[in-house]
Amino acid sequence: MNANTFKAPWGKTLRWMSAFSVVVVLAVTVPLFIAIKSETDRWVAAWLVVLLPVAALFTIRSFAIEPNMLAIQRLLWTTLLPLSGLQSAESVPGVMRGSLRLFGNGGMFSITGLYRNRTLGNYRAFVTDQTKTVVLRFPKRTVVVSPENPEQFVAEISQFAFRTA
């Protein structure tokens, strides 16, 4: 990893939620798969098991700051977030507290998607540790990420984004 790349550590909540999700999916589907006699119903149970690797694909591995771009590295692809128009970057631990998930994943290998709370309004989350959150504000959107060192991340992204703006 280069100097402008930050790991995406898993916080305690994400570790517990991911483990719980795996246990629940397996605890429900394995006995269901064994008990079901109909081939059609077995396919339904099998699809529940497919949920685990599909959710795992959305795991966030790191955040790489590039000129005018934040690259969010997943397992098999990178989500690119243009930094043009970035108005502010601020480390705000726990900023997701009290959020309502509008669409997305609330803790099976990542916390990603569209959320809403009183502090931020609507925002997009790319989070693995809710205690290390950074709020990126743009004119028409807000994004929350969780790099391993939030203060250093804010300094780096501010340097890149505001220098090129």
C-alpha atoms as a PDB file:
ATOM      1  CA  MET A   1       0.000   0.000   0.000  1.00  0.00           C
ATOM      2  CA  ASN A   2       1.243   3.466  -0.805  1.00  0.00           C
ATOM      3  CA  ALA A   3       1.289   6.456   1.550  1.00  0.00           C
ATOM      4  CA  ASN A   4      -2.149   7.632   0.405  1.00  0.00           C
ATOM      5  CA  THR A   5      -3.839   4.271   0.997  1.00  0.00           C
ATOM      6  CA  PHE A   6      -5.617   3.570   4.263  1.00  0.00           C
ATOM      7  CA  LYS A   7      -6.758   0.145   5.417  1.00  0.00           C
ATOM      8  CA  ALA A   8     -10.415  -0.374   6.321  1.00  0.00           C
ATOM      9  CA  PRO A   9     -10.257  -2.090   9.725  1.00  0.00           C
ATOM     10  CA  TRP A  10     -13.253  -4.005  11.011  1.00  0.00           C
ATOM     11  CA  GLY A  11     -14.687  -2.579  14.202  1.00  0.00           C
ATOM     12  CA  LYS A  12     -16.130  -4.680  16.993  1.00  0.00           C
ATOM     13  CA  THR A  13     -19.718  -4.164  15.802  1.00  0.00           C
ATOM     14  CA  LEU A  14     -18.956  -5.295  12.246  1.00  0.00           C
ATOM     15  CA  ARG A  15     -17.089  -8.372  13.478  1.00  0.00           C
ATOM     16  CA  TRP A  16     -20.037  -9.366  15.700  1.00  0.00           C
ATOM     17  CA  MET A  17     -22.680  -8.603  13.061  1.00  0.00           C
ATOM     18  CA  SER A  18     -20.810 -10.543  10.366  1.00  0.00           C
ATOM     19  CA  ALA A  19     -20.279 -13.566  12.620  1.00  0.00           C
ATOM     20  CA  PHE A  20     -23.916 -13.453  13.752  1.00  0.00           C
ATOM     21  CA  SER A  21     -25.121 -13.231  10.137  1.00  0.00           C
ATOM     22  CA  VAL A  22     -23.048 -16.230   9.074  1.00  0.00           C
ATOM     23  CA  VAL A  23     -24.283 -18.300  12.025  1.00  0.00           C
ATOM     24  CA  VAL A  24     -27.935 -17.375  11.413  1.00  0.00           C
ATOM     25  CA  VAL A  25     -27.814 -18.066   7.668  1.00  0.00           C
ATOM     26  CA  LEU A  26     -26.131 -21.430   8.198  1.00  0.00           C
ATOM     27  CA  ALA A  27     -28.305 -22.346  11.193  1.00  0.00           C
ATOM     28  CA  VAL A  28     -31.432 -21.720   9.146  1.00  0.00           C
ATOM     29  CA  THR A  29     -30.408 -23.073   5.756  1.00  0.00           C
ATOM     30  CA  VAL A  30     -28.515 -26.265   6.615  1.00  0.00           C
ATOM     31  CA  PRO A  31     -31.371 -27.905   8.592  1.00  0.00           C
ATOM     32  CA  LEU A  32     -33.854 -26.515   6.072  1.00  0.00           C
ATOM     33  CA  PHE A  33     -31.870 -28.010   3.202  1.00  0.00           C
ATOM     34  CA  ILE A  34     -31.750 -31.407   4.941  1.00  0.00           C
ATOM     35  CA  ALA A  35     -35.453 -31.404   5.911  1.00  0.00           C
ATOM     36  CA  ILE A  36     -36.831 -30.289   2.550  1.00  0.00           C
ATOM     37  CA  LYS A  37     -37.917 -33.074   0.219  1.00  0.00           C
ATOM     38  CA  SER A  38     -38.930 -30.941  -2.761  1.00  0.00           C
ATOM     39  CA  GLU A  39     -36.160 -30.119  -5.220  1.00  0.00           C
ATOM     40  CA  THR A  40     -37.659 -26.655  -5.809  1.00  0.00           C
ATOM     41  CA  ASP A  41     -37.608 -25.842  -2.105  1.00  0.00           C
ATOM     42  CA  ARG A  42     -33.994 -27.028  -1.863  1.00  0.00           C
ATOM     43  CA  TRP A  43     -33.040 -24.458  -4.491  1.00  0.00           C
ATOM     44  CA  VAL A  44     -34.612 -21.757  -2.328  1.00  0.00           C
ATOM     45  CA  ALA A  45     -32.524 -22.894   0.645  1.00  0.00           C
ATOM     46  CA  ALA A  46     -29.399 -23.047  -1.529  1.00  0.00           C
ATOM     47  CA  TRP A  47     -29.941 -19.437  -2.601  1.00  0.00           C
ATOM     48  CA  LEU A  48     -29.883 -18.369   1.052  1.00  0.00           C
ATOM     49  CA  VAL A  49     -26.387 -19.863   1.362  1.00  0.00           C
ATOM     50  CA  VAL A  50     -25.313 -17.970  -1.786  1.00  0.00           C
ATOM     51  CA  LEU A  51     -26.099 -14.785   0.142  1.00  0.00           C
ATOM     52  CA  LEU A  52     -22.893 -15.164   2.198  1.00  0.00           C
ATOM     53  CA  PRO A  53     -20.302 -15.040  -0.613  1.00  0.00           C
ATOM     54  CA  VAL A  54     -22.272 -12.357  -2.442  1.00  0.00           C
ATOM     55  CA  ALA A  55     -22.286 -10.150   0.667  1.00  0.00           C
ATOM     56  CA  ALA A  56     -18.579 -10.888   1.185  1.00  0.00           C
ATOM     57  CA  LEU A  57     -17.801  -9.439  -2.261  1.00  0.00           C
ATOM     58  CA  PHE A  58     -18.874  -6.019  -0.971  1.00  0.00           C
ATOM     59  CA  THR A  59     -16.285  -6.061   1.822  1.00  0.00           C
ATOM     60  CA  ILE A  60     -14.270  -2.833   1.904  1.00  0.00           C
ATOM     61  CA  ARG A  61     -10.525  -3.473   2.037  1.00  0.00           C
ATOM     62  CA  SER A  62      -9.020   0.011   1.785  1.00  0.00           C
ATOM     63  CA  PHE A  63      -9.393   3.647   0.769  1.00  0.00           C
ATOM     64  CA  ALA A  64      -6.865   5.122  -1.676  1.00  0.00           C
ATOM     65  CA  ILE A  65      -6.666   8.880  -2.128  1.00  0.00           C
ATOM     66  CA  GLU A  66      -5.719   9.933  -5.643  1.00  0.00           C
ATOM     67  CA  PRO A  67      -5.836  13.362  -7.267  1.00  0.00           C
ATOM     68  CA  ASN A  68      -9.561  14.213  -7.576  1.00  0.00           C
ATOM     69  CA  MET A  69     -10.620  10.650  -6.712  1.00  0.00           C
ATOM     70  CA  LEU A  70     -11.187   8.395  -3.712  1.00  0.00           C
ATOM     71  CA  ALA A  71     -10.786   4.728  -4.674  1.00  0.00           C
ATOM     72  CA  ILE A  72     -12.696   2.390  -2.368  1.00  0.00           C
ATOM     73  CA  GLN A  73     -11.177  -1.065  -2.818  1.00  0.00           C
ATOM     74  CA  ARG A  74     -13.607  -3.975  -2.513  1.00  0.00           C
ATOM     75  CA  LEU A  75     -12.679  -7.663  -2.851  1.00  0.00           C
ATOM     76  CA  LEU A  76     -12.908  -7.822  -6.648  1.00  0.00           C
ATOM     77  CA  TRP A  77     -13.430  -4.233  -7.795  1.00  0.00           C
ATOM     78  CA  THR A  78     -12.911  -0.607  -6.927  1.00  0.00           C
ATOM     79  CA  THR A  79     -15.650   1.953  -6.342  1.00  0.00           C
ATOM     80  CA  LEU A  80     -14.490   5.393  -7.509  1.00  0.00           C
ATOM     81  CA  LEU A  81     -15.722   8.518  -5.748  1.00  0.00           C
ATOM     82  CA  PRO A  82     -14.851  11.798  -7.523  1.00  0.00           C
ATOM     83  CA  LEU A  83     -13.561  14.422  -5.091  1.00  0.00           C
ATOM     84  CA  SER A  84     -14.394  17.439  -7.247  1.00  0.00           C
ATOM     85  CA  GLY A  85     -16.506  19.834  -5.224  1.00  0.00           C
ATOM     86  CA  LEU A  86     -15.433  18.421  -1.868  1.00  0.00           C
ATOM     87  CA  GLN A  87     -16.301  21.146   0.646  1.00  0.00           C
ATOM     88  CA  SER A  88     -15.047  19.541   3.847  1.00  0.00           C
ATOM     89  CA  ALA A  89     -13.566  16.397   5.345  1.00  0.00           C
ATOM     90  CA  GLU A  90     -13.950  15.873   9.085  1.00  0.00           C
ATOM     91  CA  SER A  91     -13.266  13.015  11.481  1.00  0.00           C
ATOM     92  CA  VAL A  92     -16.485  12.452  13.454  1.00  0.00           C
ATOM     93  CA  PRO A  93     -16.353   9.175  15.428  1.00  0.00           C
ATOM     94  CA  GLY A  94     -19.761   7.550  15.814  1.00  0.00           C
ATOM     95  CA  VAL A  95     -21.512   9.888  13.381  1.00  0.00           C
ATOM     96  CA  MET A  96     -23.709   7.012  12.146  1.00  0.00           C
ATOM     97  CA  ARG A  97     -25.342   6.601  15.567  1.00  0.00           C
ATOM     98  CA  GLY A  98     -29.122   6.726  15.246  1.00  0.00           C
ATOM     99  CA  SER A  99     -29.068   6.220  11.482  1.00  0.00           C
ATOM    100  CA  LEU A 100     -31.858   4.657   9.488  1.00  0.00           C
ATOM    101  CA  ARG A 101     -30.789   2.394   6.624  1.00  0.00           C
ATOM    102  CA  LEU A 102     -32.695   3.388   3.493  1.00  0.00           C
ATOM    103  CA  PHE A 103     -31.005   0.854   1.216  1.00  0.00           C
ATOM    104  CA  GLY A 104     -27.931  -1.294   1.646  1.00  0.00           C
ATOM    105  CA  ASN A 105     -26.064  -3.611   3.951  1.00  0.00           C
ATOM    106  CA  GLY A 106     -26.179  -2.997   7.681  1.00  0.00           C
ATOM    107  CA  GLY A 107     -23.375  -5.231   8.884  1.00  0.00           C
ATOM    108  CA  MET A 108     -22.790  -8.382   6.847  1.00  0.00           C
ATOM    109  CA  PHE A 109     -19.076  -7.862   6.054  1.00  0.00           C
ATOM    110  CA  SER A 110     -19.532  -4.083   5.641  1.00  0.00           C
ATOM    111  CA  ILE A 111     -21.868  -1.197   6.386  1.00  0.00           C
ATOM    112  CA  THR A 112     -22.642   0.238   2.983  1.00  0.00           C
ATOM    113  CA  GLY A 113     -25.486   1.926   1.204  1.00  0.00           C
ATOM    114  CA  LEU A 114     -27.821   4.847   1.698  1.00  0.00           C
ATOM    115  CA  TYR A 115     -28.543   5.999   5.254  1.00  0.00           C
ATOM    116  CA  ARG A 116     -30.205   8.908   7.044  1.00  0.00           C
ATOM    117  CA  ASN A 117     -29.852  10.522  10.460  1.00  0.00           C
ATOM    118  CA  ARG A 118     -30.567  13.900  12.070  1.00  0.00           C
ATOM    119  CA  THR A 119     -26.951  15.031  12.006  1.00  0.00           C
ATOM    120  CA  LEU A 120     -26.141  14.309   8.351  1.00  0.00           C
ATOM    121  CA  GLY A 121     -29.485  13.984   6.597  1.00  0.00           C
ATOM    122  CA  ASN A 122     -29.223  11.491   3.733  1.00  0.00           C
ATOM    123  CA  TYR A 123     -25.741  10.082   3.165  1.00  0.00           C
ATOM    124  CA  ARG A 124     -23.880   7.223   1.532  1.00  0.00           C
ATOM    125  CA  ALA A 125     -21.793   4.946   3.764  1.00  0.00           C
ATOM    126  CA  PHE A 126     -18.654   2.910   3.039  1.00  0.00           C
ATOM    127  CA  VAL A 127     -17.910   1.864   6.614  1.00  0.00           C
ATOM    128  CA  THR A 128     -16.200  -0.990   8.443  1.00  0.00           C
ATOM    129  CA  ASP A 129     -15.635   0.670  11.839  1.00  0.00           C
ATOM    130  CA  GLN A 130     -18.223   3.116  13.176  1.00  0.00           C
ATOM    131  CA  THR A 131     -15.723   4.514  15.704  1.00  0.00           C
ATOM    132  CA  LYS A 132     -13.386   5.760  12.933  1.00  0.00           C
ATOM    133  CA  THR A 133     -15.798   7.602  10.668  1.00  0.00           C
ATOM    134  CA  VAL A 134     -14.915  10.515   8.403  1.00  0.00           C
ATOM    135  CA  VAL A 135     -17.608  12.740   6.893  1.00  0.00           C
ATOM    136  CA  LEU A 136     -16.991  14.024   3.356  1.00  0.00           C
ATOM    137  CA  ARG A 137     -19.356  16.859   2.423  1.00  0.00           C
ATOM    138  CA  PHE A 138     -20.095  17.827  -1.167  1.00  0.00           C
ATOM    139  CA  PRO A 139     -22.599  20.430  -2.431  1.00  0.00           C
ATOM    140  CA  LYS A 140     -25.314  17.840  -3.127  1.00  0.00           C
ATOM    141  CA  ARG A 141     -24.234  14.760  -1.165  1.00  0.00           C
ATOM    142  CA  THR A 142     -22.552  13.500   1.964  1.00  0.00           C
ATOM    143  CA  VAL A 143     -20.363  10.401   2.199  1.00  0.00           C
ATOM    144  CA  VAL A 144     -19.118   8.584   5.309  1.00  0.00           C
ATOM    145  CA  VAL A 145     -16.000   6.375   5.208  1.00  0.00           C
ATOM    146  CA  SER A 146     -13.930   4.648   7.912  1.00  0.00           C
ATOM    147  CA  PRO A 147     -10.173   4.616   7.274  1.00  0.00           C
ATOM    148  CA  GLU A 148      -7.702   3.197   9.783  1.00  0.00           C
ATOM    149  CA  ASN A 149      -6.338   6.627  10.775  1.00  0.00           C
ATOM    150  CA  PRO A 150      -9.135   9.198  10.399  1.00  0.00           C
ATOM    151  CA  GLU A 151      -7.088  12.295  11.274  1.00  0.00           C
ATOM    152  CA  GLN A 152      -4.303  11.438   8.819  1.00  0.00           C
ATOM    153  CA  PHE A 153      -6.911  10.550   6.184  1.00  0.00           C
ATOM    154  CA  VAL A 154      -8.575  13.964   6.611  1.00  0.00           C
ATOM    155  CA  ALA A 155      -5.211  15.720   6.244  1.00  0.00           C
ATOM    156  CA  GLU A 156      -4.340  13.726   3.117  1.00  0.00           C
ATOM    157  CA  ILE A 157      -7.709  14.013   1.391  1.00  0.00           C
ATOM    158  CA  SER A 158      -7.880  17.734   2.161  1.00  0.00           C
ATOM    159  CA  GLN A 159      -4.448  18.242   0.615  1.00  0.00           C
ATOM    160  CA  PHE A 160      -5.371  16.345  -2.560  1.00  0.00           C
ATOM    161  CA  ALA A 161      -8.925  17.597  -2.975  1.00  0.00           C
ATOM    162  CA  PHE A 162      -8.437  21.245  -2.135  1.00  0.00           C
ATOM    163  CA  ARG A 163      -5.092  21.563  -3.948  1.00  0.00           C
ATOM    164  CA  THR A 164      -6.654  20.324  -7.209  1.00  0.00           C
ATOM    165  CA  ALA A 165      -9.954  22.203  -6.823  1.00  0.00           C
END
